[in-house]
PDB file of N, CA and C in Angstrom:
ATOM      1  N   MET A   1      40.403 178.294 195.147  1.00  0.00           N
ATOM      2  CA  MET A   1      40.811 177.924 193.714  1.00  0.00           C
ATOM      3  C   MET A   1      41.785 176.968 193.715  1.00  0.00           C
ATOM      4  N   THR A   2      42.781 177.028 194.723  1.00  0.00           N
ATOM      5  CA  THR A   2      43.925 176.070 194.597  1.00  0.00           C
ATOM      6  C   THR A   2      43.428 174.737 194.926  1.00  0.00           C
ATOM      7  N   GLU A   3      42.242 174.664 195.650  1.00  0.00           N
ATOM      8  CA  GLU A   3      41.793 173.323 196.094  1.00  0.00           C
ATOM      9  C   GLU A   3      41.174 172.603 194.762  1.00  0.00           C
ATOM     10  N   LEU A   4      40.674 173.397 193.954  1.00  0.00           N
ATOM     11  CA  LEU A   4      40.065 172.904 192.679  1.00  0.00           C
ATOM     12  C   LEU A   4      41.033 172.344 191.863  1.00  0.00           C
ATOM     13  N   TYR A   5      42.234 172.733 191.846  1.00  0.00           N
ATOM     14  CA  TYR A   5      43.242 172.382 190.863  1.00  0.00           C
ATOM     15  C   TYR A   5      44.505 171.972 191.618  1.00  0.00           C
ATOM     16  N   PRO A   6      44.440 170.939 192.336  1.00  0.00           N
ATOM     17  CA  PRO A   6      45.614 170.497 193.211  1.00  0.00           C
ATOM     18  C   PRO A   6      46.720 170.030 192.540  1.00  0.00           C
ATOM     19  N   ASP A   7      46.632 169.693 191.293  1.00  0.00           N
ATOM     20  CA  ASP A   7      47.734 169.293 190.442  1.00  0.00           C
ATOM     21  C   ASP A   7      48.722 170.478 190.018  1.00  0.00           C
ATOM     22  N   ASP A   8      48.041 171.633 189.928  1.00  0.00           N
ATOM     23  CA  ASP A   8      48.812 172.770 189.506  1.00  0.00           C
ATOM     24  C   ASP A   8      49.303 173.548 190.698  1.00  0.00           C
ATOM     25  N   PHE A   9      49.039 173.173 191.961  1.00  0.00           N
ATOM     26  CA  PHE A   9      49.454 174.002 193.101  1.00  0.00           C
ATOM     27  C   PHE A   9      50.001 173.058 194.154  1.00  0.00           C
ATOM     28  N   ASP A  10      51.288 172.710 194.076  1.00  0.00           N
ATOM     29  CA  ASP A  10      51.889 171.818 195.056  1.00  0.00           C
ATOM     30  C   ASP A  10      52.324 172.609 196.327  1.00  0.00           C
ATOM     31  N   GLU A  11      52.928 172.016 197.338  1.00  0.00           N
ATOM     32  CA  GLU A  11      53.342 172.782 198.551  1.00  0.00           C
ATOM     33  C   GLU A  11      54.172 173.927 198.319  1.00  0.00           C
ATOM     34  N   ASN A  12      55.325 173.767 197.535  1.00  0.00           N
ATOM     35  CA  ASN A  12      56.211 174.764 197.214  1.00  0.00           C
ATOM     36  C   ASN A  12      55.468 175.956 196.625  1.00  0.00           C
ATOM     37  N   ILE A  13      54.687 175.648 195.617  1.00  0.00           N
ATOM     38  CA  ILE A  13      53.914 176.722 194.772  1.00  0.00           C
ATOM     39  C   ILE A  13      52.986 177.451 195.815  1.00  0.00           C
ATOM     40  N   MET A  14      52.461 176.765 196.661  1.00  0.00           N
ATOM     41  CA  MET A  14      51.567 177.344 197.639  1.00  0.00           C
ATOM     42  C   MET A  14      52.269 178.356 198.500  1.00  0.00           C
ATOM     43  N   VAL A  15      53.266 178.164 199.043  1.00  0.00           N
ATOM     44  CA  VAL A  15      54.109 179.056 199.754  1.00  0.00           C
ATOM     45  C   VAL A  15      54.636 180.205 198.977  1.00  0.00           C
ATOM     46  N   THR A  16      55.026 179.972 197.679  1.00  0.00           N
ATOM     47  CA  THR A  16      55.340 181.088 196.853  1.00  0.00           C
ATOM     48  C   THR A  16      54.099 181.995 196.465  1.00  0.00           C
ATOM     49  N   LEU A  17      52.983 181.323 196.305  1.00  0.00           N
ATOM     50  CA  LEU A  17      51.761 181.990 195.925  1.00  0.00           C
ATOM     51  C   LEU A  17      51.404 182.903 197.038  1.00  0.00           C
ATOM     52  N   LYS A  18      51.426 182.378 198.270  1.00  0.00           N
ATOM     53  CA  LYS A  18      51.150 183.256 199.411  1.00  0.00           C
ATOM     54  C   LYS A  18      51.823 184.576 199.446  1.00  0.00           C
ATOM     55  N   ASN A  19      53.414 184.330 199.324  1.00  0.00           N
ATOM     56  CA  ASN A  19      54.172 185.461 199.294  1.00  0.00           C
ATOM     57  C   ASN A  19      53.777 186.304 198.111  1.00  0.00           C
ATOM     58  N   GLN A  20      53.619 185.801 196.983  1.00  0.00           N
ATOM     59  CA  GLN A  20      53.294 186.777 195.740  1.00  0.00           C
ATOM     60  C   GLN A  20      51.928 187.462 195.927  1.00  0.00           C
ATOM     61  N   LEU A  21      50.948 186.788 196.535  1.00  0.00           N
ATOM     62  CA  LEU A  21      49.680 187.448 196.728  1.00  0.00           C
ATOM     63  C   LEU A  21      49.905 188.727 197.771  1.00  0.00           C
ATOM     64  N   GLU A  22      50.694 188.466 198.811  1.00  0.00           N
ATOM     65  CA  GLU A  22      50.814 189.550 199.778  1.00  0.00           C
ATOM     66  C   GLU A  22      51.672 190.665 198.993  1.00  0.00           C
ATOM     67  N   THR A  23      52.632 190.540 198.294  1.00  0.00           N
ATOM     68  CA  THR A  23      53.435 191.503 197.544  1.00  0.00           C
ATOM     69  C   THR A  23      52.463 192.150 196.564  1.00  0.00           C
ATOM     70  N   TYR A  24      51.725 191.303 195.857  1.00  0.00           N
ATOM     71  CA  TYR A  24      50.908 191.871 194.657  1.00  0.00           C
ATOM     72  C   TYR A  24      49.782 192.716 195.358  1.00  0.00           C
ATOM     73  N   ILE A  25      49.163 192.553 196.325  1.00  0.00           N
ATOM     74  CA  ILE A  25      48.167 193.266 196.810  1.00  0.00           C
ATOM     75  C   ILE A  25      48.709 194.686 197.257  1.00  0.00           C
ATOM     76  N   VAL A  26      49.790 194.597 197.957  1.00  0.00           N
ATOM     77  CA  VAL A  26      50.630 195.955 198.319  1.00  0.00           C
ATOM     78  C   VAL A  26      50.816 196.764 197.039  1.00  0.00           C
ATOM     79  N   ASP A  27      51.488 196.014 196.119  1.00  0.00           N
ATOM     80  CA  ASP A  27      51.920 196.627 194.755  1.00  0.00           C
ATOM     81  C   ASP A  27      50.839 197.246 194.077  1.00  0.00           C
ATOM     82  N   VAL A  28      49.703 196.574 193.862  1.00  0.00           N
ATOM     83  CA  VAL A  28      48.689 197.192 192.981  1.00  0.00           C
ATOM     84  C   VAL A  28      47.705 198.148 193.669  1.00  0.00           C
ATOM     85  N   ARG A  29      47.520 197.872 194.938  1.00  0.00           N
ATOM     86  CA  ARG A  29      46.728 198.798 195.804  1.00  0.00           C
ATOM     87  C   ARG A  29      47.273 200.204 196.075  1.00  0.00           C
ATOM     88  N   ASP A  30      48.745 200.061 196.547  1.00  0.00           N
ATOM     89  CA  ASP A  30      49.318 201.295 196.943  1.00  0.00           C
ATOM     90  C   ASP A  30      50.134 202.014 195.940  1.00  0.00           C
ATOM     91  N   PHE A  31      50.558 201.281 194.881  1.00  0.00           N
ATOM     92  CA  PHE A  31      51.663 201.924 194.084  1.00  0.00           C
ATOM     93  C   PHE A  31      51.077 202.123 192.544  1.00  0.00           C
ATOM     94  N   ASP A  32      50.231 201.210 192.103  1.00  0.00           N
ATOM     95  CA  ASP A  32      49.877 201.357 190.592  1.00  0.00           C
ATOM     96  C   ASP A  32      48.436 201.697 190.540  1.00  0.00           C
ATOM     97  N   LYS A  33      48.212 202.781 190.131  1.00  0.00           N
ATOM     98  CA  LYS A  33      46.832 203.382 189.923  1.00  0.00           C
ATOM     99  C   LYS A  33      46.144 202.826 188.709  1.00  0.00           C
ATOM    100  N   ARG A  34      46.922 202.066 187.919  1.00  0.00           N
ATOM    101  CA  ARG A  34      46.124 201.564 186.691  1.00  0.00           C
ATOM    102  C   ARG A  34      45.123 200.331 187.164  1.00  0.00           C
ATOM    103  N   PHE A  35      45.350 199.943 188.276  1.00  0.00           N
ATOM    104  CA  PHE A  35      44.394 198.767 188.778  1.00  0.00           C
ATOM    105  C   PHE A  35      43.285 199.264 189.548  1.00  0.00           C
ATOM    106  N   SER A  36      43.075 200.533 189.627  1.00  0.00           N
ATOM    107  CA  SER A  36      42.092 201.123 190.530  1.00  0.00           C
ATOM    108  C   SER A  36      40.645 200.938 190.060  1.00  0.00           C
ATOM    109  N   ASN A  37      40.410 201.058 188.619  1.00  0.00           N
ATOM    110  CA  ASN A  37      39.044 201.103 188.171  1.00  0.00           C
ATOM    111  C   ASN A  37      38.590 199.738 187.284  1.00  0.00           C
ATOM    112  N   LEU A  38      39.073 198.671 187.731  1.00  0.00           N
ATOM    113  CA  LEU A  38      38.852 197.384 187.045  1.00  0.00           C
ATOM    114  C   LEU A  38      37.401 196.955 187.370  1.00  0.00           C
ATOM    115  N   GLN A  39      36.751 196.485 186.092  1.00  0.00           N
ATOM    116  CA  GLN A  39      35.391 195.888 186.292  1.00  0.00           C
ATOM    117  C   GLN A  39      35.242 194.536 186.437  1.00  0.00           C
ATOM    118  N   GLY A  40      36.311 193.697 186.340  1.00  0.00           N
ATOM    119  CA  GLY A  40      36.282 192.303 186.604  1.00  0.00           C
ATOM    120  C   GLY A  40      37.578 191.560 186.334  1.00  0.00           C
ATOM    121  N   LEU A  41      37.410 190.356 186.282  1.00  0.00           N
ATOM    122  CA  LEU A  41      38.725 189.499 185.968  1.00  0.00           C
ATOM    123  C   LEU A  41      39.233 189.733 184.637  1.00  0.00           C
ATOM    124  N   VAL A  42      38.350 189.938 183.621  1.00  0.00           N
ATOM    125  CA  VAL A  42      38.902 190.172 182.366  1.00  0.00           C
ATOM    126  C   VAL A  42      39.788 191.434 182.342  1.00  0.00           C
ATOM    127  N   ASP A  43      39.303 192.460 182.870  1.00  0.00           N
ATOM    128  CA  ASP A  43      40.032 193.699 182.864  1.00  0.00           C
ATOM    129  C   ASP A  43      41.320 193.415 183.664  1.00  0.00           C
ATOM    130  N   LEU A  44      41.238 192.753 184.742  1.00  0.00           N
ATOM    131  CA  LEU A  44      42.372 192.373 185.632  1.00  0.00           C
ATOM    132  C   LEU A  44      43.489 191.687 184.899  1.00  0.00           C
ATOM    133  N   SER A  45      43.119 190.697 184.020  1.00  0.00           N
ATOM    134  CA  SER A  45      44.086 189.867 183.219  1.00  0.00           C
ATOM    135  C   SER A  45      44.720 190.747 182.201  1.00  0.00           C
ATOM    136  N   GLU A  46      43.784 191.512 181.551  1.00  0.00           N
ATOM    137  CA  GLU A  46      44.461 192.422 180.482  1.00  0.00           C
ATOM    138  C   GLU A  46      45.525 193.451 181.077  1.00  0.00           C
ATOM    139  N   ILE A  47      45.031 194.096 182.228  1.00  0.00           N
ATOM    140  CA  ILE A  47      46.014 194.964 182.881  1.00  0.00           C
ATOM    141  C   ILE A  47      47.394 194.394 183.346  1.00  0.00           C
ATOM    142  N   LEU A  48      47.146 193.144 183.868  1.00  0.00           N
ATOM    143  CA  LEU A  48      48.345 192.356 184.258  1.00  0.00           C
ATOM    144  C   LEU A  48      49.456 192.174 183.085  1.00  0.00           C
ATOM    145  N   VAL A  49      48.787 191.771 181.873  1.00  0.00           N
ATOM    146  CA  VAL A  49      49.713 191.442 180.777  1.00  0.00           C
ATOM    147  C   VAL A  49      50.180 192.920 180.175  1.00  0.00           C
ATOM    148  N   LYS A  50      49.350 193.826 180.125  1.00  0.00           N
ATOM    149  CA  LYS A  50      49.849 195.075 179.624  1.00  0.00           C
ATOM    150  C   LYS A  50      50.799 195.669 180.417  1.00  0.00           C
ATOM    151  N   THR A  51      50.829 195.601 181.729  1.00  0.00           N
ATOM    152  CA  THR A  51      51.898 196.117 182.630  1.00  0.00           C
ATOM    153  C   THR A  51      53.006 195.162 182.843  1.00  0.00           C
ATOM    154  N   LYS A  52      52.832 193.917 182.209  1.00  0.00           N
ATOM    155  CA  LYS A  52      53.929 192.891 182.378  1.00  0.00           C
ATOM    156  C   LYS A  52      54.020 192.312 183.712  1.00  0.00           C
ATOM    157  N   LYS A  53      53.045 192.605 184.685  1.00  0.00           N
ATOM    158  CA  LYS A  53      53.049 192.163 186.080  1.00  0.00           C
ATOM    159  C   LYS A  53      52.752 190.656 186.132  1.00  0.00           C
ATOM    160  N   HIS A  54      52.256 190.197 185.072  1.00  0.00           N
ATOM    161  CA  HIS A  54      52.106 188.771 184.954  1.00  0.00           C
ATOM    162  C   HIS A  54      53.346 187.846 185.218  1.00  0.00           C
ATOM    163  N   LEU A  55      54.463 188.678 184.628  1.00  0.00           N
ATOM    164  CA  LEU A  55      55.747 188.023 184.703  1.00  0.00           C
ATOM    165  C   LEU A  55      56.308 188.055 186.157  1.00  0.00           C
ATOM    166  N   ASN A  56      55.932 189.039 186.928  1.00  0.00           N
ATOM    167  CA  ASN A  56      56.415 189.291 188.322  1.00  0.00           C
ATOM    168  C   ASN A  56      55.593 188.293 189.204  1.00  0.00           C
ATOM    169  N   TYR A  57      54.228 188.096 188.824  1.00  0.00           N
ATOM    170  CA  TYR A  57      53.300 187.464 189.773  1.00  0.00           C
ATOM    171  C   TYR A  57      52.805 186.244 188.932  1.00  0.00           C
ATOM    172  N   PRO A  58      53.608 185.305 188.602  1.00  0.00           N
ATOM    173  CA  PRO A  58      53.081 184.235 187.629  1.00  0.00           C
ATOM    174  C   PRO A  58      51.979 183.364 188.228  1.00  0.00           C
ATOM    175  N   PHE A  59      52.170 183.098 189.586  1.00  0.00           N
ATOM    176  CA  PHE A  59      51.113 182.243 190.333  1.00  0.00           C
ATOM    177  C   PHE A  59      49.657 182.902 190.523  1.00  0.00           C
ATOM    178  N   VAL A  60      49.872 184.278 190.905  1.00  0.00           N
ATOM    179  CA  VAL A  60      48.678 185.019 190.831  1.00  0.00           C
ATOM    180  C   VAL A  60      47.879 185.064 189.488  1.00  0.00           C
ATOM    181  N   PHE A  61      48.737 185.273 188.452  1.00  0.00           N
ATOM    182  CA  PHE A  61      48.121 185.300 187.203  1.00  0.00           C
ATOM    183  C   PHE A  61      47.568 183.948 186.761  1.00  0.00           C
ATOM    184  N   ARG A  62      48.192 182.853 187.233  1.00  0.00           N
ATOM    185  CA  ARG A  62      47.591 181.383 187.163  1.00  0.00           C
ATOM    186  C   ARG A  62      46.126 181.371 187.808  1.00  0.00           C
ATOM    187  N   LEU A  63      46.099 181.931 188.975  1.00  0.00           N
ATOM    188  CA  LEU A  63      44.747 181.876 189.716  1.00  0.00           C
ATOM    189  C   LEU A  63      43.806 182.769 188.685  1.00  0.00           C
ATOM    190  N   VAL A  64      44.163 183.869 188.271  1.00  0.00           N
ATOM    191  CA  VAL A  64      43.224 184.687 187.475  1.00  0.00           C
ATOM    192  C   VAL A  64      42.739 183.909 186.207  1.00  0.00           C
ATOM    193  N   LYS A  65      43.735 183.181 185.557  1.00  0.00           N
ATOM    194  CA  LYS A  65      43.443 182.474 184.371  1.00  0.00           C
ATOM    195  C   LYS A  65      42.377 181.218 184.779  1.00  0.00           C
ATOM    196  N   PHE A  66      42.626 180.621 185.863  1.00  0.00           N
ATOM    197  CA  PHE A  66      41.870 179.495 186.311  1.00  0.00           C
ATOM    198  C   PHE A  66      40.382 180.169 186.582  1.00  0.00           C
ATOM    199  N   ALA A  67      40.330 181.233 187.191  1.00  0.00           N
ATOM    200  CA  ALA A  67      39.017 181.799 187.517  1.00  0.00           C
ATOM    201  C   ALA A  67      38.304 182.176 186.254  1.00  0.00           C
ATOM    202  N   LEU A  68      39.060 182.574 185.166  1.00  0.00           N
ATOM    203  CA  LEU A  68      38.379 182.872 184.104  1.00  0.00           C
ATOM    204  C   LEU A  68      37.823 181.683 183.228  1.00  0.00           C
ATOM    205  N   LEU A  69      38.553 180.571 183.338  1.00  0.00           N
ATOM    206  CA  LEU A  69      38.023 179.323 182.670  1.00  0.00           C
ATOM    207  C   LEU A  69      36.998 178.516 183.408  1.00  0.00           C
ATOM    208  N   LEU A  70      36.906 178.784 184.728  1.00  0.00           N
ATOM    209  CA  LEU A  70      35.855 178.086 185.603  1.00  0.00           C
ATOM    210  C   LEU A  70      34.385 178.101 185.100  1.00  0.00           C
ATOM    211  N   PRO A  71      34.002 179.203 184.462  1.00  0.00           N
ATOM    212  CA  PRO A  71      32.569 179.125 184.113  1.00  0.00           C
ATOM    213  C   PRO A  71      32.405 178.347 182.848  1.00  0.00           C
ATOM    214  N   VAL A  72      33.474 178.083 182.054  1.00  0.00           N
ATOM    215  CA  VAL A  72      33.106 177.324 180.845  1.00  0.00           C
ATOM    216  C   VAL A  72      32.698 175.926 181.223  1.00  0.00           C
ATOM    217  N   PRO A  73      33.457 175.061 182.009  1.00  0.00           N
ATOM    218  CA  PRO A  73      33.283 173.697 182.293  1.00  0.00           C
ATOM    219  C   PRO A  73      32.031 173.741 183.095  1.00  0.00           C
ATOM    220  N   THR A  74      31.662 174.607 183.900  1.00  0.00           N
ATOM    221  CA  THR A  74      30.484 174.630 184.717  1.00  0.00           C
ATOM    222  C   THR A  74      29.133 174.790 183.786  1.00  0.00           C
ATOM    223  N   ALA A  75      29.274 175.692 182.826  1.00  0.00           N
ATOM    224  CA  ALA A  75      28.106 175.833 181.854  1.00  0.00           C
ATOM    225  C   ALA A  75      27.881 174.534 181.154  1.00  0.00           C
ATOM    226  N   ILE A  76      29.048 173.839 180.694  1.00  0.00           N
ATOM    227  CA  ILE A  76      28.879 172.586 179.843  1.00  0.00           C
ATOM    228  C   ILE A  76      28.234 171.557 180.839  1.00  0.00           C
ATOM    229  N   VAL A  77      28.543 171.492 182.116  1.00  0.00           N
ATOM    230  CA  VAL A  77      27.937 170.453 183.016  1.00  0.00           C
ATOM    231  C   VAL A  77      26.569 170.820 183.177  1.00  0.00           C
ATOM    232  N   GLU A  78      26.218 171.976 183.327  1.00  0.00           N
ATOM    233  CA  GLU A  78      24.788 172.441 183.487  1.00  0.00           C
ATOM    234  C   GLU A  78      23.986 172.086 182.276  1.00  0.00           C
ATOM    235  N   ARG A  79      24.479 172.249 181.026  1.00  0.00           N
ATOM    236  CA  ARG A  79      23.794 172.054 179.900  1.00  0.00           C
ATOM    237  C   ARG A  79      23.675 170.454 179.878  1.00  0.00           C
ATOM    238  N   THR A  80      24.620 169.689 180.174  1.00  0.00           N
ATOM    239  CA  THR A  80      24.534 168.251 180.158  1.00  0.00           C
ATOM    240  C   THR A  80      23.602 167.739 181.058  1.00  0.00           C
ATOM    241  N   PHE A  81      23.418 168.325 182.368  1.00  0.00           N
ATOM    242  CA  PHE A  81      22.459 167.842 183.268  1.00  0.00           C
ATOM    243  C   PHE A  81      21.123 168.342 182.889  1.00  0.00           C
ATOM    244  N   SER A  82      20.740 169.475 182.182  1.00  0.00           N
ATOM    245  CA  SER A  82      19.502 169.796 181.591  1.00  0.00           C
ATOM    246  C   SER A  82      19.061 168.910 180.621  1.00  0.00           C
ATOM    247  N   ALA A  83      19.929 168.409 179.692  1.00  0.00           N
ATOM    248  CA  ALA A  83      19.609 167.415 178.670  1.00  0.00           C
ATOM    249  C   ALA A  83      19.229 166.100 179.248  1.00  0.00           C
ATOM    250  N   LEU A  84      19.980 165.703 180.237  1.00  0.00           N
ATOM    251  CA  LEU A  84      19.756 164.546 181.006  1.00  0.00           C
ATOM    252  C   LEU A  84      18.363 164.495 181.654  1.00  0.00           C
ATOM    253  N   LYS A  85      17.901 165.622 182.197  1.00  0.00           N
ATOM    254  CA  LYS A  85      16.841 165.747 182.900  1.00  0.00           C
ATOM    255  C   LYS A  85      15.731 165.646 181.809  1.00  0.00           C
ATOM    256  N   LEU A  86      15.839 166.136 180.679  1.00  0.00           N
ATOM    257  CA  LEU A  86      14.893 165.989 179.589  1.00  0.00           C
ATOM    258  C   LEU A  86      14.672 164.630 179.092  1.00  0.00           C
ATOM    259  N   ILE A  87      15.783 163.860 178.965  1.00  0.00           N
ATOM    260  CA  ILE A  87      15.699 162.450 178.472  1.00  0.00           C
ATOM    261  C   ILE A  87      15.155 161.669 179.581  1.00  0.00           C
ATOM    262  N   LYS A  88      15.587 161.790 180.917  1.00  0.00           N
ATOM    263  CA  LYS A  88      14.990 160.938 181.778  1.00  0.00           C
ATOM    264  C   LYS A  88      13.737 161.116 182.118  1.00  0.00           C
ATOM    265  N   SER A  89      13.156 162.323 182.204  1.00  0.00           N
ATOM    266  CA  SER A  89      11.740 162.668 182.617  1.00  0.00           C
ATOM    267  C   SER A  89      10.803 162.187 181.525  1.00  0.00           C
ATOM    268  N   GLU A  90      10.898 162.470 180.213  1.00  0.00           N
ATOM    269  CA  GLU A  90      10.036 162.469 179.191  1.00  0.00           C
ATOM    270  C   GLU A  90      10.001 161.057 178.485  1.00  0.00           C
ATOM    271  N   LEU A  91      11.359 160.475 178.368  1.00  0.00           N
ATOM    272  CA  LEU A  91      11.470 159.397 177.570  1.00  0.00           C
ATOM    273  C   LEU A  91      11.795 158.167 178.419  1.00  0.00           C
ATOM    274  N   GLN A  92      12.013 158.386 179.576  1.00  0.00           N
ATOM    275  CA  GLN A  92      12.472 157.205 180.350  1.00  0.00           C
ATOM    276  C   GLN A  92      11.509 156.022 180.461  1.00  0.00           C
ATOM    277  N   ASN A  93      10.234 156.364 180.554  1.00  0.00           N
ATOM    278  CA  ASN A  93       9.205 155.347 180.758  1.00  0.00           C
ATOM    279  C   ASN A  93       9.189 154.532 179.395  1.00  0.00           C
ATOM    280  N   ARG A  94       9.525 155.008 178.207  1.00  0.00           N
ATOM    281  CA  ARG A  94       9.334 154.399 177.126  1.00  0.00           C
ATOM    282  C   ARG A  94      10.546 153.592 176.548  1.00  0.00           C
ATOM    283  N   MET A  95      11.698 153.600 177.169  1.00  0.00           N
ATOM    284  CA  MET A  95      12.803 152.956 176.815  1.00  0.00           C
ATOM    285  C   MET A  95      13.443 152.026 177.645  1.00  0.00           C
ATOM    286  N   ASN A  96      14.162 150.951 177.332  1.00  0.00           N
ATOM    287  CA  ASN A  96      14.876 150.213 178.236  1.00  0.00           C
ATOM    288  C   ASN A  96      16.163 150.786 178.653  1.00  0.00           C
ATOM    289  N   TYR A  97      16.878 150.115 179.531  1.00  0.00           N
ATOM    290  CA  TYR A  97      18.164 150.678 180.113  1.00  0.00           C
ATOM    291  C   TYR A  97      19.133 150.804 179.163  1.00  0.00           C
ATOM    292  N   GLU A  98      19.428 149.893 178.255  1.00  0.00           N
ATOM    293  CA  GLU A  98      20.404 149.818 177.302  1.00  0.00           C
ATOM    294  C   GLU A  98      20.302 151.042 176.284  1.00  0.00           C
ATOM    295  N   PHE A  99      19.038 151.273 175.762  1.00  0.00           N
ATOM    296  CA  PHE A  99      18.843 152.250 174.947  1.00  0.00           C
ATOM    297  C   PHE A  99      19.030 153.693 175.528  1.00  0.00           C
ATOM    298  N   MET A 100      18.658 153.788 176.864  1.00  0.00           N
ATOM    299  CA  MET A 100      18.890 155.186 177.408  1.00  0.00           C
ATOM    300  C   MET A 100      20.323 155.292 177.683  1.00  0.00           C
ATOM    301  N   SER A 101      20.970 154.310 178.047  1.00  0.00           N
ATOM    302  CA  SER A 101      22.439 154.516 178.359  1.00  0.00           C
ATOM    303  C   SER A 101      23.191 154.872 177.057  1.00  0.00           C
ATOM    304  N   GLY A 102      22.721 154.310 175.989  1.00  0.00           N
ATOM    305  CA  GLY A 102      23.261 154.949 174.755  1.00  0.00           C
ATOM    306  C   GLY A 102      22.976 156.238 174.311  1.00  0.00           C
ATOM    307  N   CYS A 103      22.022 156.833 174.941  1.00  0.00           N
ATOM    308  CA  CYS A 103      21.542 158.316 174.556  1.00  0.00           C
ATOM    309  C   CYS A 103      22.387 159.266 175.472  1.00  0.00           C
ATOM    310  N   LEU A 104      22.918 158.722 176.484  1.00  0.00           N
ATOM    311  CA  LEU A 104      23.736 159.557 177.484  1.00  0.00           C
ATOM    312  C   LEU A 104      25.118 159.742 177.077  1.00  0.00           C
ATOM    313  N   TYR A 105      25.537 159.824 175.872  1.00  0.00           N
ATOM    314  CA  TYR A 105      26.871 160.173 175.555  1.00  0.00           C
ATOM    315  C   TYR A 105      27.232 161.522 175.934  1.00  0.00           C
ATOM    316  N   LEU A 106      28.425 161.536 176.644  1.00  0.00           N
ATOM    317  CA  LEU A 106      28.858 162.844 176.978  1.00  0.00           C
ATOM    318  C   LEU A 106      30.009 163.311 175.995  1.00  0.00           C
ATOM    319  N   MET A 107      30.149 164.523 175.590  1.00  0.00           N
ATOM    320  CA  MET A 107      31.256 164.944 174.793  1.00  0.00           C
ATOM    321  C   MET A 107      32.447 165.248 175.564  1.00  0.00           C
TER     322      MET A 107
END
């Protein structure tokens, strides 16, 4: 995840993140039973906020937030390529390059 967002994780943050992850794993696995029956990242983020552990582990919480946000851009890109495939395959033979280029406006 840190490789996908290099602007948000510099070298100093990476060192701190490594330490936070090690401490976080021990903390929630061995000492806090509220983290034992989570169903996914949404549950994890809710429990982190409810227990205020997002304040103790801000970089771990940042990773969780990025993991929750990742499916949104991925779905948008997939829909765009699906639309592009439709335009290219069915209409490409009937339009010139300039017209097709104008149809491929991305939001």
